[in-house]
Amino acid sequence: MIRIGINGVGGRMGQRLVVLAAADKTLEITAALESETHDRIGSDAGETAGIGHIGVPITANWEHNVDVLIDFSTPKCTEKLVRRCLELKTPLVFATTGISPEQETMIRNAATHLPILRSPSMSMTVNLAMKLCELTAKTLKNKDADVEIIEKHHRFKVDAPSGTALKFGKIIAEEMGLGTQQHGRNGVLGERSRNEIGFHAVRIGDNPGEHAILFGLPGETLEINVKASNRDCYAQGALAAAKFLFGKTPGLYNMNDVMGL
């Protein structure tokens, strides 16, 4: 039995993690975490998630009762969270997006002392699509290909483009040697630069996430699409990551390690 903590249990992703983890016979939820000012502090995590009482109150901290912590929260929690993980030597599945370069550096430094799995998306199919994009970019390097990335998410998402879209772009840019990001287009911009990747963010309804990566050549286009129908794909991926991380040595891991890619 792996004891897991979930940070951000009051959010949409946190609640789905509680539901799915509670149904997994190999996992035990031992910590349900939220910010000190959250209105659900003291409430039962299962009741908050809609599955009834599970005997785990929502608190702002955890002790030596967690084998792996999963974080789906906000960047403002990152520094405190990582410091606490270092203090207790708690392995961390870090799924929060929109963090700063300084926070990225903090996570990398922390990974020299404890196992951390960092991924902008916990979806299995998204990470498989990233490998397909890597192969495509290698193949089309110096073949006069344009690259555009279109991502769609729900109206509540606060960062744009998504961390997943930026990761797609980073993979492709490194393979194709593209050094410029063009975020949307407006006005008379002139001919498209040969050195850019275009990013376009759509915010609509309750869309849990779509990404379309377009490789356009004269006369033909290859499009790699990946779509989530609900948030469970991210939650299931995070739980798989927690199981993978349990017992690992210090280091920075990603979903490719989980999937054996």
Protein backbone atom coordinates (compact mmCIF):
# COMPACT_ATOMS: atom_id res chain seq x y z
CA MET A 1 0.00 0.00 0.00
CA ILE A 2 1.42 3.39 -1.06
CA ARG A 3 0.45 6.32 1.15
CA ILE A 4 -0.23 9.39 -0.97
CA GLY A 5 -0.86 13.02 -0.20
CA ILE A 6 -2.77 15.29 -2.57
CA ASN A 7 -2.11 19.02 -2.62
CA GLY A 8 -4.94 21.09 -4.08
CA VAL A 9 -7.82 18.78 -3.07
CA GLY A 10 -10.32 21.64 -3.21
CA GLY A 11 -9.79 22.10 -6.95
CA ARG A 12 -11.32 20.19 -9.86
CA MET A 13 -8.25 18.03 -10.40
CA GLY A 14 -7.71 17.45 -6.70
CA GLN A 15 -11.24 16.16 -6.26
CA ARG A 16 -10.88 13.70 -9.15
CA LEU A 17 -7.61 12.47 -7.62
CA VAL A 18 -9.40 11.80 -4.35
CA VAL A 19 -12.16 9.86 -6.12
CA LEU A 20 -9.80 7.70 -8.19
CA ALA A 21 -7.20 7.17 -5.46
CA ALA A 22 -9.87 6.11 -2.98
CA ALA A 23 -11.00 3.42 -5.46
CA ASP A 24 -7.43 2.10 -6.01
CA LYS A 25 -6.65 -0.85 -3.74
CA THR A 26 -2.89 -0.18 -3.97
CA LEU A 27 -3.17 3.39 -2.64
CA GLU A 28 -4.13 5.00 0.65
CA ILE A 29 -4.88 8.71 0.93
CA THR A 30 -3.15 9.91 4.11
CA ALA A 31 -2.99 13.67 3.49
CA ALA A 32 -5.43 16.04 1.78
CA LEU A 33 -3.95 19.51 1.49
CA GLU A 34 -5.14 23.02 0.71
CA SER A 35 -4.04 26.56 1.47
CA GLU A 36 -4.55 27.77 5.04
CA THR A 37 -7.30 30.19 3.97
CA HIS A 38 -9.29 27.71 1.87
CA ASP A 39 -12.93 27.41 2.92
CA ARG A 40 -12.77 23.58 2.95
CA ILE A 41 -10.04 23.36 5.62
CA GLY A 42 -11.22 20.88 8.25
CA SER A 43 -13.74 19.22 5.92
CA ASP A 44 -13.47 15.56 4.97
CA ALA A 45 -11.69 15.13 1.62
CA GLY A 46 -14.10 12.43 0.48
CA GLU A 47 -17.16 14.52 1.23
CA THR A 48 -15.62 17.46 -0.64
CA ALA A 49 -15.04 15.19 -3.65
CA GLY A 50 -18.58 13.81 -3.49
CA ILE A 51 -17.82 10.21 -2.46
CA GLY A 52 -18.74 10.42 1.21
CA HIS A 53 -16.68 10.30 4.39
CA ILE A 54 -13.19 8.75 4.06
CA GLY A 55 -11.73 9.93 7.36
CA VAL A 56 -9.11 12.25 5.89
CA PRO A 57 -9.55 15.91 6.87
CA ILE A 58 -8.34 18.69 4.60
CA THR A 59 -5.37 20.42 6.24
CA ALA A 60 -2.65 22.90 5.32
CA ASN A 61 0.30 20.64 6.15
CA TRP A 62 1.44 17.04 6.43
CA GLU A 63 3.82 15.04 8.59
CA HIS A 64 5.81 11.81 8.12
CA ASN A 65 2.78 9.90 6.85
CA VAL A 66 3.13 10.34 3.07
CA ASP A 67 5.14 8.13 0.71
CA VAL A 68 4.49 10.32 -2.37
CA LEU A 69 2.88 13.75 -2.65
CA ILE A 70 0.94 14.80 -5.77
CA ASP A 71 0.64 18.53 -6.41
CA PHE A 72 -2.12 19.98 -8.59
CA SER A 73 -2.33 23.51 -7.20
CA THR A 74 -1.04 26.98 -8.09
CA PRO A 75 2.46 28.43 -8.56
CA LYS A 76 2.14 30.57 -5.43
CA CYS A 77 2.32 27.36 -3.35
CA THR A 78 5.46 26.01 -5.03
CA GLU A 79 8.24 27.35 -2.82
CA LYS A 80 6.57 26.35 0.45
CA LEU A 81 5.62 22.95 -0.94
CA VAL A 82 9.11 22.10 -2.22
CA ARG A 83 10.74 23.23 1.03
CA ARG A 84 8.40 20.99 3.02
CA CYS A 85 9.11 18.03 0.72
CA LEU A 86 12.83 18.55 1.24
CA GLU A 87 12.36 18.82 5.00
CA LEU A 88 10.43 15.51 5.18
CA LYS A 89 12.20 13.80 2.24
CA THR A 90 8.83 13.32 0.54
CA PRO A 91 8.93 12.30 -3.15
CA LEU A 92 6.93 14.73 -5.28
CA VAL A 93 4.78 14.37 -8.41
CA PHE A 94 4.66 18.00 -9.53
CA ALA A 95 1.80 18.68 -11.97
CA THR A 96 1.26 22.41 -11.41
CA THR A 97 1.73 24.56 -14.53
CA GLY A 98 2.55 28.22 -15.06
CA ILE A 99 5.53 28.31 -12.70
CA SER A 100 8.36 30.82 -13.06
CA PRO A 101 11.92 30.10 -14.27
CA GLU A 102 13.10 30.59 -10.68
CA GLN A 103 10.64 27.96 -9.48
CA GLU A 104 11.79 25.61 -12.24
CA THR A 105 15.35 26.01 -10.96
CA MET A 106 14.22 25.37 -7.39
CA ILE A 107 12.59 22.09 -8.45
CA ARG A 108 15.68 20.98 -10.36
CA ASN A 109 17.87 21.72 -7.35
CA ALA A 110 15.49 19.87 -5.03
CA ALA A 111 15.66 16.83 -7.32
CA THR A 112 19.30 16.34 -6.33
CA HIS A 113 18.01 15.46 -2.85
CA LEU A 114 14.73 13.62 -3.48
CA PRO A 115 12.84 12.01 -6.37
CA ILE A 116 10.64 14.47 -8.26
CA LEU A 117 8.51 13.74 -11.30
CA ARG A 118 7.82 16.93 -13.24
CA SER A 119 5.56 17.06 -16.29
CA PRO A 120 3.40 19.82 -17.82
CA SER A 121 0.83 17.11 -18.57
CA MET A 122 0.11 13.86 -16.74
CA SER A 123 -1.86 12.48 -19.71
CA MET A 124 -0.44 9.29 -21.22
CA THR A 125 -1.62 10.20 -24.73
CA VAL A 126 -0.25 13.74 -24.52
CA ASN A 127 3.19 12.39 -23.67
CA LEU A 128 2.95 9.86 -26.48
CA ALA A 129 1.99 12.71 -28.84
CA MET A 130 5.11 14.56 -27.69
CA LYS A 131 7.25 11.61 -28.81
CA LEU A 132 5.46 11.62 -32.17
CA CYS A 133 6.15 15.35 -32.51
CA GLU A 134 9.81 14.78 -31.66
CA LEU A 135 10.07 12.17 -34.43
CA THR A 136 8.22 14.43 -36.87
CA ALA A 137 10.42 17.42 -36.08
CA LYS A 138 13.58 15.36 -36.59
CA THR A 139 12.27 14.13 -39.93
CA LEU A 140 11.14 17.54 -41.21
CA LYS A 141 14.16 19.56 -40.07
CA ASN A 142 15.42 21.69 -42.99
CA LYS A 143 12.42 20.57 -45.10
CA ASP A 144 10.71 24.01 -45.22
CA ALA A 145 8.05 23.08 -42.65
CA ASP A 146 5.96 25.61 -40.73
CA VAL A 147 4.86 24.72 -37.20
CA GLU A 148 1.74 26.01 -35.45
CA ILE A 149 0.31 24.88 -32.08
CA ILE A 150 -3.33 25.42 -31.16
CA GLU A 151 -4.52 24.63 -27.64
CA LYS A 152 -8.01 24.76 -26.13
CA HIS A 153 -8.89 24.77 -22.43
CA HIS A 154 -11.72 25.72 -20.10
CA ARG A 155 -12.55 29.31 -19.28
CA PHE A 156 -11.08 29.03 -15.76
CA LYS A 157 -7.49 28.31 -16.85
CA VAL A 158 -5.30 31.23 -15.81
CA ASP A 159 -2.11 30.67 -17.85
CA ALA A 160 -1.72 30.83 -21.62
CA PRO A 161 -0.41 29.18 -23.64
CA SER A 162 -0.76 25.99 -21.63
CA GLY A 163 2.35 24.45 -20.14
CA THR A 164 1.70 21.46 -22.38
CA ALA A 165 1.65 23.61 -25.52
CA LEU A 166 4.92 25.24 -24.49
CA LYS A 167 6.45 21.80 -23.92
CA PHE A 168 5.36 20.69 -27.41
CA GLY A 169 6.99 23.84 -28.75
CA LYS A 170 10.21 23.30 -26.81
CA ILE A 171 10.58 19.74 -28.11
CA ILE A 172 10.00 20.83 -31.70
CA ALA A 173 12.18 23.95 -31.47
CA GLU A 174 15.13 21.95 -30.17
CA GLU A 175 14.87 19.42 -33.00
CA MET A 176 14.25 21.92 -35.81
CA GLY A 177 16.36 24.83 -34.58
CA LEU A 178 13.43 27.27 -34.40
CA GLY A 179 14.22 30.17 -32.11
CA THR A 180 11.15 32.44 -32.12
CA GLN A 181 7.72 32.10 -30.49
CA GLN A 182 4.82 33.95 -32.13
CA HIS A 183 1.87 34.20 -29.75
CA GLY A 184 -1.18 34.86 -31.89
CA ARG A 185 -1.25 37.22 -34.85
CA ASN A 186 -2.85 40.60 -35.33
CA GLY A 187 -2.43 43.36 -37.87
CA VAL A 188 -0.10 43.54 -40.84
CA LEU A 189 2.83 41.41 -39.72
CA GLY A 190 4.36 40.67 -43.09
CA GLU A 191 5.43 37.28 -44.35
CA ARG A 192 5.68 34.48 -41.81
CA SER A 193 9.15 34.12 -40.30
CA ARG A 194 10.97 30.90 -41.19
CA ASN A 195 12.32 30.69 -37.64
CA GLU A 196 9.11 30.72 -35.59
CA ILE A 197 6.56 28.48 -33.94
CA GLY A 198 3.07 29.95 -33.69
CA PHE A 199 1.06 29.49 -30.48
CA HIS A 200 -2.69 30.06 -30.25
CA ALA A 201 -4.72 29.72 -27.03
CA VAL A 202 -8.49 29.21 -26.97
CA ARG A 203 -10.49 29.44 -23.71
CA ILE A 204 -13.97 28.04 -23.97
CA GLY A 205 -16.60 26.46 -21.70
CA ASP A 206 -15.44 23.47 -19.67
CA ASN A 207 -12.98 22.05 -22.23
CA PRO A 208 -10.54 19.83 -20.26
CA GLY A 209 -7.79 20.16 -22.88
CA GLU A 210 -7.03 19.82 -26.59
CA HIS A 211 -3.79 20.30 -28.48
CA ALA A 212 -3.28 20.36 -32.23
CA ILE A 213 0.26 20.50 -33.59
CA LEU A 214 0.45 21.36 -37.29
CA PHE A 215 3.44 20.75 -39.53
CA GLY A 216 2.79 22.51 -42.84
CA LEU A 217 4.80 22.06 -46.02
CA PRO A 218 4.02 23.34 -49.52
CA GLY A 219 1.16 21.16 -50.75
CA GLU A 220 0.58 19.13 -47.57
CA THR A 221 0.01 19.29 -43.82
CA LEU A 222 0.53 16.81 -41.01
CA GLU A 223 -1.61 17.40 -37.91
CA ILE A 224 -1.10 15.62 -34.58
CA ASN A 225 -4.15 15.93 -32.33
CA VAL A 226 -4.67 14.89 -28.73
CA LYS A 227 -7.89 15.55 -26.82
CA ALA A 228 -9.11 14.90 -23.29
CA SER A 229 -12.81 14.09 -22.83
CA ASN A 230 -12.58 14.59 -19.05
CA ARG A 231 -10.00 15.23 -16.33
CA ASP A 232 -9.59 11.60 -15.35
CA CYS A 233 -6.78 11.10 -17.88
CA TYR A 234 -4.65 13.62 -15.96
CA ALA A 235 -5.57 12.15 -12.58
CA GLN A 236 -4.90 8.56 -13.66
CA GLY A 237 -1.55 9.62 -15.11
CA ALA A 238 -0.61 11.36 -11.85
CA LEU A 239 -1.49 8.25 -9.83
CA ALA A 240 0.58 6.11 -12.20
CA ALA A 241 3.43 8.60 -11.71
CA ALA A 242 3.11 8.32 -7.92
CA LYS A 243 3.34 4.53 -8.11
CA PHE A 244 6.39 4.82 -10.37
CA LEU A 245 8.11 7.33 -8.07
CA PHE A 246 7.64 5.27 -4.91
CA GLY A 247 11.02 3.90 -3.80
CA LYS A 248 13.02 5.74 -6.49
CA THR A 249 16.38 7.38 -5.83
CA PRO A 250 16.73 11.20 -6.00
CA GLY A 251 16.49 12.64 -9.48
CA LEU A 252 14.25 14.51 -11.90
CA TYR A 253 11.86 12.15 -13.70
CA ASN A 254 9.10 12.67 -16.27
CA MET A 255 6.19 10.79 -17.82
CA ASN A 256 8.46 9.22 -20.42
CA ASP A 257 10.05 7.29 -17.54
CA VAL A 258 6.62 6.17 -16.35
CA MET A 259 5.64 5.01 -19.84
CA GLY A 260 9.02 3.52 -20.74
CA LEU A 261 9.44 5.81 -23.77
